[in-house]
Amino acid sequence: MFRNDKKDGNVKNTTVANYLIISGNYNSKNIDEKISYELISVPYNIDKELESNIDNIEKSSYEEEIRNGKYRDMEKIYKSFEIRGIDKNKI
């Protein structure tokens, strides 16, 4: 997860699964057939994940990652960006 504190919104949006549900008659050839769509956001249960993740040797780092939406080894990510010519400050 790569977050930019100055540009990103709520950190809770990082740990949410978003789905688009489309309803209607899939095989219809009738252009007047109605379809509908619904956007669903399912929050990730962070506390449940942490309780079940008892064997993780990096538990505190992992908790920081999923609570704050920040990857625990950002130096590795920054190095990867640098190699590819990406300025992390412009993201």
C-alpha atoms as a PDB file:
ATOM      1  CA  MET A   1       0.000   0.000   0.000  1.00  0.00           C
ATOM      2  CA  PHE A   2       1.389   3.361  -0.991  1.00  0.00           C
ATOM      3  CA  ARG A   3      -0.163   6.386   0.638  1.00  0.00           C
ATOM      4  CA  ASN A   4       0.584  10.062   0.334  1.00  0.00           C
ATOM      5  CA  ASP A   5      -0.596  11.847   3.489  1.00  0.00           C
ATOM      6  CA  LYS A   6      -0.972  15.157   1.652  1.00  0.00           C
ATOM      7  CA  LYS A   7      -3.004  13.791  -1.262  1.00  0.00           C
ATOM      8  CA  ASP A   8      -4.949  10.816   0.082  1.00  0.00           C
ATOM      9  CA  GLY A   9      -8.298  10.915   1.783  1.00  0.00           C
ATOM     10  CA  ASN A  10      -9.429   8.856   4.728  1.00  0.00           C
ATOM     11  CA  VAL A  11      -7.062   5.995   5.606  1.00  0.00           C
ATOM     12  CA  LYS A  12     -10.083   3.712   6.102  1.00  0.00           C
ATOM     13  CA  ASN A  13     -10.584   3.767   2.320  1.00  0.00           C
ATOM     14  CA  THR A  14      -7.286   1.899   1.952  1.00  0.00           C
ATOM     15  CA  THR A  15      -8.567  -1.162   3.788  1.00  0.00           C
ATOM     16  CA  VAL A  16     -11.951  -1.448   2.072  1.00  0.00           C
ATOM     17  CA  ALA A  17     -13.022  -3.779  -0.703  1.00  0.00           C
ATOM     18  CA  ASN A  18     -15.166  -2.006  -3.319  1.00  0.00           C
ATOM     19  CA  TYR A  19     -17.588  -3.858  -5.569  1.00  0.00           C
ATOM     20  CA  LEU A  20     -19.892  -2.867  -8.399  1.00  0.00           C
ATOM     21  CA  ILE A  21     -23.022  -5.005  -8.566  1.00  0.00           C
ATOM     22  CA  ILE A  22     -24.859  -4.875 -11.888  1.00  0.00           C
ATOM     23  CA  SER A  23     -28.409  -6.225 -12.003  1.00  0.00           C
ATOM     24  CA  GLY A  24     -30.551  -6.911 -15.015  1.00  0.00           C
ATOM     25  CA  ASN A  25     -31.213  -9.481 -17.719  1.00  0.00           C
ATOM     26  CA  TYR A  26     -27.757 -10.495 -18.926  1.00  0.00           C
ATOM     27  CA  ASN A  27     -28.916 -12.125 -22.172  1.00  0.00           C
ATOM     28  CA  SER A  28     -31.463  -9.494 -23.151  1.00  0.00           C
ATOM     29  CA  LYS A  29     -31.336  -8.130 -26.714  1.00  0.00           C
ATOM     30  CA  ASN A  30     -33.952  -5.493 -25.841  1.00  0.00           C
ATOM     31  CA  ILE A  31     -32.313  -2.059 -25.577  1.00  0.00           C
ATOM     32  CA  ASP A  32     -35.190  -0.885 -23.392  1.00  0.00           C
ATOM     33  CA  GLU A  33     -34.396  -3.547 -20.782  1.00  0.00           C
ATOM     34  CA  LYS A  34     -33.477  -1.845 -17.541  1.00  0.00           C
ATOM     35  CA  ILE A  35     -30.266  -2.484 -15.682  1.00  0.00           C
ATOM     36  CA  SER A  36     -29.194  -1.128 -12.342  1.00  0.00           C
ATOM     37  CA  TYR A  37     -25.937  -0.862 -10.541  1.00  0.00           C
ATOM     38  CA  GLU A  38     -24.929  -0.532  -6.935  1.00  0.00           C
ATOM     39  CA  LEU A  39     -21.562   0.404  -5.448  1.00  0.00           C
ATOM     40  CA  ILE A  40     -20.759  -1.521  -2.273  1.00  0.00           C
ATOM     41  CA  SER A  41     -17.863  -0.911   0.096  1.00  0.00           C
ATOM     42  CA  VAL A  42     -17.048  -3.692   2.528  1.00  0.00           C
ATOM     43  CA  PRO A  43     -14.771  -2.611   5.379  1.00  0.00           C
ATOM     44  CA  TYR A  44     -11.934  -4.873   6.380  1.00  0.00           C
ATOM     45  CA  ASN A  45     -12.190  -6.112   9.974  1.00  0.00           C
ATOM     46  CA  ILE A  46      -8.720  -5.097  11.152  1.00  0.00           C
ATOM     47  CA  ASP A  47      -9.166  -6.245  14.753  1.00  0.00           C
ATOM     48  CA  LYS A  48     -10.336  -9.689  13.653  1.00  0.00           C
ATOM     49  CA  GLU A  49      -7.363  -9.978  11.281  1.00  0.00           C
ATOM     50  CA  LEU A  50      -4.906  -9.057  14.032  1.00  0.00           C
ATOM     51  CA  GLU A  51      -6.473 -11.511  16.495  1.00  0.00           C
ATOM     52  CA  SER A  52      -6.213 -14.372  14.005  1.00  0.00           C
ATOM     53  CA  ASN A  53      -2.692 -13.493  12.870  1.00  0.00           C
ATOM     54  CA  ILE A  54      -0.874 -14.972  15.888  1.00  0.00           C
ATOM     55  CA  ASP A  55       2.133 -16.427  14.024  1.00  0.00           C
ATOM     56  CA  ASN A  56       3.227 -13.201  12.337  1.00  0.00           C
ATOM     57  CA  ILE A  57       6.786 -12.356  13.421  1.00  0.00           C
ATOM     58  CA  GLU A  58       6.293  -8.730  12.296  1.00  0.00           C
ATOM     59  CA  LYS A  59       2.998  -8.243  14.111  1.00  0.00           C
ATOM     60  CA  SER A  60       3.546  -4.636  15.242  1.00  0.00           C
ATOM     61  CA  SER A  61       4.733  -3.596  11.763  1.00  0.00           C
ATOM     62  CA  TYR A  62       1.822  -5.442  10.169  1.00  0.00           C
ATOM     63  CA  GLU A  63      -0.636  -3.743  12.522  1.00  0.00           C
ATOM     64  CA  GLU A  64       0.800  -0.337  11.609  1.00  0.00           C
ATOM     65  CA  GLU A  65       0.440  -1.246   7.940  1.00  0.00           C
ATOM     66  CA  ILE A  66      -3.198  -2.282   8.012  1.00  0.00           C
ATOM     67  CA  ARG A  67      -4.354   0.351  10.517  1.00  0.00           C
ATOM     68  CA  ASN A  68      -2.694   3.262   8.721  1.00  0.00           C
ATOM     69  CA  GLY A  69      -2.596   1.992   5.156  1.00  0.00           C
ATOM     70  CA  LYS A  70       1.166   2.355   4.905  1.00  0.00           C
ATOM     71  CA  TYR A  71       3.422  -0.398   3.643  1.00  0.00           C
ATOM     72  CA  ARG A  72       5.898  -1.438   6.340  1.00  0.00           C
ATOM     73  CA  ASP A  73       8.993  -1.370   4.129  1.00  0.00           C
ATOM     74  CA  MET A  74       8.659   1.923   2.265  1.00  0.00           C
ATOM     75  CA  GLU A  75      12.405   2.197   1.687  1.00  0.00           C
ATOM     76  CA  LYS A  76      12.123  -0.885  -0.540  1.00  0.00           C
ATOM     77  CA  ILE A  77       9.283   0.760  -2.467  1.00  0.00           C
ATOM     78  CA  TYR A  78      11.157   4.062  -2.769  1.00  0.00           C
ATOM     79  CA  LYS A  79      14.226   2.251  -4.118  1.00  0.00           C
ATOM     80  CA  SER A  80      12.027   0.486  -6.689  1.00  0.00           C
ATOM     81  CA  PHE A  81      10.590   3.863  -7.754  1.00  0.00           C
ATOM     82  CA  GLU A  82      14.074   5.353  -8.028  1.00  0.00           C
ATOM     83  CA  ILE A  83      15.267   2.485 -10.243  1.00  0.00           C
ATOM     84  CA  ARG A  84      12.282   3.054 -12.548  1.00  0.00           C
ATOM     85  CA  GLY A  85      12.777   6.833 -12.641  1.00  0.00           C
ATOM     86  CA  ILE A  86       9.647   7.657 -10.618  1.00  0.00           C
ATOM     87  CA  ASP A  87       9.780  10.685  -8.331  1.00  0.00           C
ATOM     88  CA  LYS A  88       7.947   9.647  -5.147  1.00  0.00           C
ATOM     89  CA  ASN A  89       7.178  13.311  -4.392  1.00  0.00           C
ATOM     90  CA  LYS A  90       5.085  13.624  -7.560  1.00  0.00           C
ATOM     91  CA  ILE A  91       2.776  10.711  -6.748  1.00  0.00           C
END
